[in-house]
Structure formats: structure tokens, C-alpha cells
Amino acid sequence: FGQLMDALEIGRIAIAASAVGLAAAALSAALRF
């Protein structure tokens, strides 16, 4: 459980970064349109 909680911090950062990437794609599409 302790090992997992440590590793899930990496997972949260990965999800956050992926969300930022998708948000950037959305803004880019809005600007072009």
C-alpha cells in the first residue's frame, strides 16, 4: 500500500500532464476555428 501511494503520485502527475496536453489541443483548435 505504501509503495502504491508513492507510485500513484507519478500517476497523478501523468494524468495532469495529459489533461494539460488535451486542453492545449482544445485551445489550439478554438484559435484556428
PDB file of all heavy atoms in Angstrom:
ATOM      1  N   PHE A   1       0.831  -1.200   0.000  1.00  0.00           N
ATOM      2  CA  PHE A   1       0.000   0.000   0.000  1.00  0.00           C
ATOM      3  C   PHE A   1       0.872   1.259   0.000  1.00  0.00           C
ATOM      4  O   PHE A   1       0.619   2.203  -0.753  1.00  0.00           O
ATOM      5  CB  PHE A   1      -0.941   0.003   1.203  1.00  0.00           C
ATOM      6  CG  PHE A   1      -2.027   1.036   1.105  1.00  0.00           C
ATOM      7  CD1 PHE A   1      -3.163   0.809   0.348  1.00  0.00           C
ATOM      8  CD2 PHE A   1      -1.917   2.240   1.780  1.00  0.00           C
ATOM      9  CE1 PHE A   1      -4.166   1.765   0.249  1.00  0.00           C
ATOM     10  CE2 PHE A   1      -2.910   3.199   1.697  1.00  0.00           C
ATOM     11  CZ  PHE A   1      -4.039   2.969   0.934  1.00  0.00           C
ATOM     12  N   GLY A   2       1.897   1.272   0.824  1.00  0.00           N
ATOM     13  CA  GLY A   2       2.807   2.412   0.846  1.00  0.00           C
ATOM     14  C   GLY A   2       3.543   2.577  -0.472  1.00  0.00           C
ATOM     15  O   GLY A   2       3.723   3.702  -0.961  1.00  0.00           O
ATOM     16  N   GLN A   3       3.989   1.455  -1.045  1.00  0.00           N
ATOM     17  CA  GLN A   3       4.651   1.517  -2.350  1.00  0.00           C
ATOM     18  C   GLN A   3       3.713   2.090  -3.406  1.00  0.00           C
ATOM     19  O   GLN A   3       4.108   2.922  -4.235  1.00  0.00           O
ATOM     20  CB  GLN A   3       5.110   0.114  -2.759  1.00  0.00           C
ATOM     21  CG  GLN A   3       6.195  -0.469  -1.875  1.00  0.00           C
ATOM     22  CD  GLN A   3       6.371  -1.965  -2.082  1.00  0.00           C
ATOM     23  OE1 GLN A   3       5.495  -2.645  -2.620  1.00  0.00           O
ATOM     24  NE2 GLN A   3       7.509  -2.505  -1.645  1.00  0.00           N
ATOM     25  N   LEU A   4       2.467   1.654  -3.360  1.00  0.00           N
ATOM     26  CA  LEU A   4       1.484   2.118  -4.333  1.00  0.00           C
ATOM     27  C   LEU A   4       1.209   3.602  -4.182  1.00  0.00           C
ATOM     28  O   LEU A   4       1.136   4.326  -5.180  1.00  0.00           O
ATOM     29  CB  LEU A   4       0.190   1.322  -4.177  1.00  0.00           C
ATOM     30  CG  LEU A   4      -0.946   1.726  -5.118  1.00  0.00           C
ATOM     31  CD1 LEU A   4      -0.577   1.431  -6.559  1.00  0.00           C
ATOM     32  CD2 LEU A   4      -2.233   1.016  -4.736  1.00  0.00           C
ATOM     33  N   MET A   5       1.043   4.086  -2.961  1.00  0.00           N
ATOM     34  CA  MET A   5       0.750   5.501  -2.748  1.00  0.00           C
ATOM     35  C   MET A   5       1.874   6.382  -3.293  1.00  0.00           C
ATOM     36  O   MET A   5       1.628   7.447  -3.867  1.00  0.00           O
ATOM     37  CB  MET A   5       0.533   5.785  -1.262  1.00  0.00           C
ATOM     38  CG  MET A   5      -0.742   5.178  -0.685  1.00  0.00           C
ATOM     39  SD  MET A   5      -2.271   5.755  -1.506  1.00  0.00           S
ATOM     40  CE  MET A   5      -2.664   4.313  -2.529  1.00  0.00           C
ATOM     41  N   ASP A   6       3.102   5.931  -3.130  1.00  0.00           N
ATOM     42  CA  ASP A   6       4.245   6.653  -3.695  1.00  0.00           C
ATOM     43  C   ASP A   6       4.156   6.669  -5.223  1.00  0.00           C
ATOM     44  O   ASP A   6       4.295   7.718  -5.868  1.00  0.00           O
ATOM     45  CB  ASP A   6       5.538   5.985  -3.232  1.00  0.00           C
ATOM     46  CG  ASP A   6       6.785   6.753  -3.636  1.00  0.00           C
ATOM     47  OD1 ASP A   6       6.932   7.070  -4.826  1.00  0.00           O
ATOM     48  OD2 ASP A   6       7.632   7.020  -2.761  1.00  0.00           O
ATOM     49  N   ALA A   7       3.903   5.511  -5.802  1.00  0.00           N
ATOM     50  CA  ALA A   7       3.854   5.407  -7.267  1.00  0.00           C
ATOM     51  C   ALA A   7       2.683   6.170  -7.860  1.00  0.00           C
ATOM     52  O   ALA A   7       2.781   6.722  -8.970  1.00  0.00           O
ATOM     53  CB  ALA A   7       3.795   3.937  -7.673  1.00  0.00           C
ATOM     54  N   LEU A   8       1.565   6.215  -7.143  1.00  0.00           N
ATOM     55  CA  LEU A   8       0.390   6.910  -7.679  1.00  0.00           C
ATOM     56  C   LEU A   8       0.600   8.416  -7.777  1.00  0.00           C
ATOM     57  O   LEU A   8      -0.119   9.094  -8.520  1.00  0.00           O
ATOM     58  CB  LEU A   8      -0.848   6.598  -6.837  1.00  0.00           C
ATOM     59  CG  LEU A   8      -1.437   5.203  -7.012  1.00  0.00           C
ATOM     60  CD1 LEU A   8      -2.701   5.041  -6.170  1.00  0.00           C
ATOM     61  CD2 LEU A   8      -1.730   4.894  -8.479  1.00  0.00           C
ATOM     62  N   GLU A   9       1.569   8.952  -7.041  1.00  0.00           N
ATOM     63  CA  GLU A   9       1.906  10.361  -7.234  1.00  0.00           C
ATOM     64  C   GLU A   9       2.413  10.585  -8.657  1.00  0.00           C
ATOM     65  O   GLU A   9       2.111  11.606  -9.287  1.00  0.00           O
ATOM     66  CB  GLU A   9       2.945  10.799  -6.201  1.00  0.00           C
ATOM     67  CG  GLU A   9       2.394  10.828  -4.772  1.00  0.00           C
ATOM     68  CD  GLU A   9       3.458  11.129  -3.726  1.00  0.00           C
ATOM     69  OE1 GLU A   9       4.610  11.389  -4.109  1.00  0.00           O
ATOM     70  OE2 GLU A   9       3.131  11.109  -2.528  1.00  0.00           O
ATOM     71  N   ILE A  10       3.169   9.620  -9.172  1.00  0.00           N
ATOM     72  CA  ILE A  10       3.605   9.674 -10.570  1.00  0.00           C
ATOM     73  C   ILE A  10       2.394   9.569 -11.491  1.00  0.00           C
ATOM     74  O   ILE A  10       2.282  10.303 -12.488  1.00  0.00           O
ATOM     75  CB  ILE A  10       4.593   8.526 -10.869  1.00  0.00           C
ATOM     76  CG1 ILE A  10       5.904   8.741 -10.105  1.00  0.00           C
ATOM     77  CG2 ILE A  10       4.862   8.409 -12.376  1.00  0.00           C
ATOM     78  CD1 ILE A  10       6.731   9.895 -10.601  1.00  0.00           C
ATOM     79  N   GLY A  11       1.462   8.680 -11.160  1.00  0.00           N
ATOM     80  CA  GLY A  11       0.260   8.533 -11.981  1.00  0.00           C
ATOM     81  C   GLY A  11      -0.572   9.795 -12.021  1.00  0.00           C
ATOM     82  O   GLY A  11      -1.097  10.176 -13.078  1.00  0.00           O
ATOM     83  N   ARG A  12      -0.695  10.481 -10.884  1.00  0.00           N
ATOM     84  CA  ARG A  12      -1.459  11.732 -10.869  1.00  0.00           C
ATOM     85  C   ARG A  12      -0.787  12.795 -11.726  1.00  0.00           C
ATOM     86  O   ARG A  12      -1.458  13.551 -12.446  1.00  0.00           O
ATOM     87  CB  ARG A  12      -1.572  12.247  -9.432  1.00  0.00           C
ATOM     88  CG  ARG A  12      -2.490  11.457  -8.528  1.00  0.00           C
ATOM     89  CD  ARG A  12      -2.503  12.109  -7.156  1.00  0.00           C
ATOM     90  NE  ARG A  12      -3.039  11.227  -6.131  1.00  0.00           N
ATOM     91  CZ  ARG A  12      -2.656  11.230  -4.867  1.00  0.00           C
ATOM     92  NH1 ARG A  12      -1.720  12.065  -4.462  1.00  0.00           N
ATOM     93  NH2 ARG A  12      -3.210  10.416  -4.008  1.00  0.00           N
ATOM     94  N   ILE A  13       0.531  12.873 -11.626  1.00  0.00           N
ATOM     95  CA  ILE A  13       1.263  13.848 -12.448  1.00  0.00           C
ATOM     96  C   ILE A  13       1.093  13.533 -13.931  1.00  0.00           C
ATOM     97  O   ILE A  13       0.916  14.430 -14.760  1.00  0.00           O
ATOM     98  CB  ILE A  13       2.750  13.870 -12.039  1.00  0.00           C
ATOM     99  CG1 ILE A  13       2.890  14.461 -10.636  1.00  0.00           C
ATOM    100  CG2 ILE A  13       3.587  14.648 -13.043  1.00  0.00           C
ATOM    101  CD1 ILE A  13       4.258  14.264  -9.995  1.00  0.00           C
ATOM    102  N   ALA A  14       1.115  12.243 -14.266  1.00  0.00           N
ATOM    103  CA  ALA A  14       0.912  11.845 -15.661  1.00  0.00           C
ATOM    104  C   ALA A  14      -0.477  12.223 -16.156  1.00  0.00           C
ATOM    105  O   ALA A  14      -0.643  12.702 -17.282  1.00  0.00           O
ATOM    106  CB  ALA A  14       1.143  10.338 -15.812  1.00  0.00           C
ATOM    107  N   ILE A  15      -1.502  12.000 -15.322  1.00  0.00           N
ATOM    108  CA  ILE A  15      -2.863  12.384 -15.693  1.00  0.00           C
ATOM    109  C   ILE A  15      -2.966  13.893 -15.858  1.00  0.00           C
ATOM    110  O   ILE A  15      -3.569  14.405 -16.808  1.00  0.00           O
ATOM    111  CB  ILE A  15      -3.872  11.895 -14.637  1.00  0.00           C
ATOM    112  CG1 ILE A  15      -4.049  10.378 -14.734  1.00  0.00           C
ATOM    113  CG2 ILE A  15      -5.227  12.583 -14.800  1.00  0.00           C
ATOM    114  CD1 ILE A  15      -4.824   9.914 -15.946  1.00  0.00           C
ATOM    115  N   ALA A  16      -2.369  14.637 -14.919  1.00  0.00           N
ATOM    116  CA  ALA A  16      -2.402  16.096 -15.003  1.00  0.00           C
ATOM    117  C   ALA A  16      -1.734  16.577 -16.289  1.00  0.00           C
ATOM    118  O   ALA A  16      -2.270  17.451 -16.998  1.00  0.00           O
ATOM    119  CB  ALA A  16      -1.715  16.712 -13.785  1.00  0.00           C
ATOM    120  N   ALA A  17      -0.570  16.026 -16.603  1.00  0.00           N
ATOM    121  CA  ALA A  17       0.152  16.435 -17.810  1.00  0.00           C
ATOM    122  C   ALA A  17      -0.641  16.089 -19.069  1.00  0.00           C
ATOM    123  O   ALA A  17      -0.690  16.874 -20.025  1.00  0.00           O
ATOM    124  CB  ALA A  17       1.524  15.769 -17.848  1.00  0.00           C
ATOM    125  N   SER A  18      -1.268  14.918 -19.065  1.00  0.00           N
ATOM    126  CA  SER A  18      -2.092  14.529 -20.218  1.00  0.00           C
ATOM    127  C   SER A  18      -3.280  15.469 -20.374  1.00  0.00           C
ATOM    128  O   SER A  18      -3.640  15.851 -21.491  1.00  0.00           O
ATOM    129  CB  SER A  18      -2.582  13.087 -20.036  1.00  0.00           C
ATOM    130  OG  SER A  18      -1.508  12.185 -19.904  1.00  0.00           O
ATOM    131  N   ALA A  19      -3.890  15.855 -19.255  1.00  0.00           N
ATOM    132  CA  ALA A  19      -5.011  16.794 -19.304  1.00  0.00           C
ATOM    133  C   ALA A  19      -4.570  18.143 -19.840  1.00  0.00           C
ATOM    134  O   ALA A  19      -5.294  18.789 -20.619  1.00  0.00           O
ATOM    135  CB  ALA A  19      -5.623  16.937 -17.912  1.00  0.00           C
ATOM    136  N   VAL A  20      -3.388  18.582 -19.447  1.00  0.00           N
ATOM    137  CA  VAL A  20      -2.856  19.840 -19.963  1.00  0.00           C
ATOM    138  C   VAL A  20      -2.655  19.750 -21.476  1.00  0.00           C
ATOM    139  O   VAL A  20      -2.978  20.677 -22.222  1.00  0.00           O
ATOM    140  CB  VAL A  20      -1.536  20.207 -19.256  1.00  0.00           C
ATOM    141  CG1 VAL A  20      -0.844  21.370 -19.959  1.00  0.00           C
ATOM    142  CG2 VAL A  20      -1.799  20.569 -17.797  1.00  0.00           C
ATOM    143  N   GLY A  21      -2.125  18.619 -21.941  1.00  0.00           N
ATOM    144  CA  GLY A  21      -1.929  18.444 -23.377  1.00  0.00           C
ATOM    145  C   GLY A  21      -3.228  18.487 -24.143  1.00  0.00           C
ATOM    146  O   GLY A  21      -3.326  19.130 -25.207  1.00  0.00           O
ATOM    147  N   LEU A  22      -4.255  17.819 -23.624  1.00  0.00           N
ATOM    148  CA  LEU A  22      -5.558  17.828 -24.292  1.00  0.00           C
ATOM    149  C   LEU A  22      -6.170  19.225 -24.254  1.00  0.00           C
ATOM    150  O   LEU A  22      -6.761  19.679 -25.242  1.00  0.00           O
ATOM    151  CB  LEU A  22      -6.487  16.816 -23.622  1.00  0.00           C
ATOM    152  CG  LEU A  22      -7.887  16.661 -24.228  1.00  0.00           C
ATOM    153  CD1 LEU A  22      -7.832  16.308 -25.701  1.00  0.00           C
ATOM    154  CD2 LEU A  22      -8.689  15.610 -23.457  1.00  0.00           C
ATOM    155  N   ALA A  23      -6.026  19.927 -23.136  1.00  0.00           N
ATOM    156  CA  ALA A  23      -6.529  21.301 -23.039  1.00  0.00           C
ATOM    157  C   ALA A  23      -5.829  22.206 -24.040  1.00  0.00           C
ATOM    158  O   ALA A  23      -6.457  23.083 -24.662  1.00  0.00           O
ATOM    159  CB  ALA A  23      -6.336  21.833 -21.620  1.00  0.00           C
ATOM    160  N   ALA A  24      -4.526  21.998 -24.225  1.00  0.00           N
ATOM    161  CA  ALA A  24      -3.781  22.788 -25.206  1.00  0.00           C
ATOM    162  C   ALA A  24      -4.288  22.522 -26.622  1.00  0.00           C
ATOM    163  O   ALA A  24      -4.405  23.447 -27.443  1.00  0.00           O
ATOM    164  CB  ALA A  24      -2.292  22.471 -25.104  1.00  0.00           C
ATOM    165  N   ALA A  25      -4.580  21.269 -26.925  1.00  0.00           N
ATOM    166  CA  ALA A  25      -5.130  20.933 -28.239  1.00  0.00           C
ATOM    167  C   ALA A  25      -6.479  21.604 -28.453  1.00  0.00           C
ATOM    168  O   ALA A  25      -6.797  22.082 -29.552  1.00  0.00           O
ATOM    169  CB  ALA A  25      -5.260  19.415 -28.372  1.00  0.00           C
ATOM    170  N   ALA A  26      -7.293  21.663 -27.389  1.00  0.00           N
ATOM    171  CA  ALA A  26      -8.604  22.302 -27.491  1.00  0.00           C
ATOM    172  C   ALA A  26      -8.469  23.791 -27.758  1.00  0.00           C
ATOM    173  O   ALA A  26      -9.183  24.360 -28.597  1.00  0.00           O
ATOM    174  CB  ALA A  26      -9.403  22.052 -26.219  1.00  0.00           C
ATOM    175  N   LEU A  27      -7.564  24.454 -27.040  1.00  0.00           N
ATOM    176  CA  LEU A  27      -7.353  25.886 -27.271  1.00  0.00           C
ATOM    177  C   LEU A  27      -6.832  26.133 -28.677  1.00  0.00           C
ATOM    178  O   LEU A  27      -7.264  27.070 -29.356  1.00  0.00           O
ATOM    179  CB  LEU A  27      -6.380  26.443 -26.232  1.00  0.00           C
ATOM    180  CG  LEU A  27      -5.990  27.917 -26.420  1.00  0.00           C
ATOM    181  CD1 LEU A  27      -7.211  28.831 -26.430  1.00  0.00           C
ATOM    182  CD2 LEU A  27      -4.994  28.348 -25.340  1.00  0.00           C
ATOM    183  N   SER A  28      -5.907  25.300 -29.123  1.00  0.00           N
ATOM    184  CA  SER A  28      -5.366  25.451 -30.476  1.00  0.00           C
ATOM    185  C   SER A  28      -6.470  25.333 -31.526  1.00  0.00           C
ATOM    186  O   SER A  28      -6.540  26.128 -32.470  1.00  0.00           O
ATOM    187  CB  SER A  28      -4.281  24.393 -30.715  1.00  0.00           C
ATOM    188  OG  SER A  28      -3.731  24.517 -32.007  1.00  0.00           O
ATOM    189  N   ALA A  29      -7.348  24.351 -31.353  1.00  0.00           N
ATOM    190  CA  ALA A  29      -8.459  24.168 -32.294  1.00  0.00           C
ATOM    191  C   ALA A  29      -9.393  25.372 -32.261  1.00  0.00           C
ATOM    192  O   ALA A  29      -9.883  25.831 -33.311  1.00  0.00           O
ATOM    193  CB  ALA A  29      -9.221  22.891 -31.950  1.00  0.00           C
ATOM    194  N   ALA A  30      -9.644  25.906 -31.069  1.00  0.00           N
ATOM    195  CA  ALA A  30     -10.528  27.074 -30.947  1.00  0.00           C
ATOM    196  C   ALA A  30      -9.927  28.295 -31.625  1.00  0.00           C
ATOM    197  O   ALA A  30     -10.635  29.067 -32.303  1.00  0.00           O
ATOM    198  CB  ALA A  30     -10.800  27.357 -29.473  1.00  0.00           C
ATOM    199  N   LEU A  31      -8.630  28.491 -31.459  1.00  0.00           N
ATOM    200  CA  LEU A  31      -7.966  29.627 -32.085  1.00  0.00           C
ATOM    201  C   LEU A  31      -8.031  29.536 -33.609  1.00  0.00           C
ATOM    202  O   LEU A  31      -8.299  30.529 -34.297  1.00  0.00           O
ATOM    203  CB  LEU A  31      -6.507  29.699 -31.624  1.00  0.00           C
ATOM    204  CG  LEU A  31      -6.271  30.168 -30.185  1.00  0.00           C
ATOM    205  CD1 LEU A  31      -4.820  29.909 -29.777  1.00  0.00           C
ATOM    206  CD2 LEU A  31      -6.602  31.650 -30.053  1.00  0.00           C
ATOM    207  N   ARG A  32      -7.771  28.336 -34.145  1.00  0.00           N
ATOM    208  CA  ARG A  32      -7.817  28.167 -35.606  1.00  0.00           C
ATOM    209  C   ARG A  32      -9.216  28.410 -36.142  1.00  0.00           C
ATOM    210  O   ARG A  32      -9.397  29.095 -37.157  1.00  0.00           O
ATOM    211  CB  ARG A  32      -7.354  26.750 -35.976  1.00  0.00           C
ATOM    212  CG  ARG A  32      -5.881  26.504 -35.763  1.00  0.00           C
ATOM    213  CD  ARG A  32      -5.441  25.216 -36.472  1.00  0.00           C
ATOM    214  NE  ARG A  32      -6.242  24.073 -36.090  1.00  0.00           N
ATOM    215  CZ  ARG A  32      -5.980  23.296 -35.041  1.00  0.00           C
ATOM    216  NH1 ARG A  32      -4.939  23.560 -34.265  1.00  0.00           N
ATOM    217  NH2 ARG A  32      -6.744  22.257 -34.762  1.00  0.00           N
ATOM    218  N   PHE A  33     -10.209  27.824 -35.465  1.00  0.00           N
ATOM    219  CA  PHE A  33     -11.587  27.984 -35.938  1.00  0.00           C
ATOM    220  C   PHE A  33     -12.023  29.441 -35.856  1.00  0.00           C
ATOM    221  O   PHE A  33     -12.647  29.971 -36.796  1.00  0.00           O
ATOM    222  CB  PHE A  33     -12.523  27.116 -35.098  1.00  0.00           C
ATOM    223  CG  PHE A  33     -13.948  27.123 -35.581  1.00  0.00           C
ATOM    224  CD1 PHE A  33     -14.352  26.253 -36.590  1.00  0.00           C
ATOM    225  CD2 PHE A  33     -14.870  28.000 -35.052  1.00  0.00           C
ATOM    226  CE1 PHE A  33     -15.664  26.268 -37.055  1.00  0.00           C
ATOM    227  CE2 PHE A  33     -16.181  28.021 -35.514  1.00  0.00           C
ATOM    228  CZ  PHE A  33     -16.574  27.152 -36.508  1.00  0.00           C
TER     229      PHE A  33
END
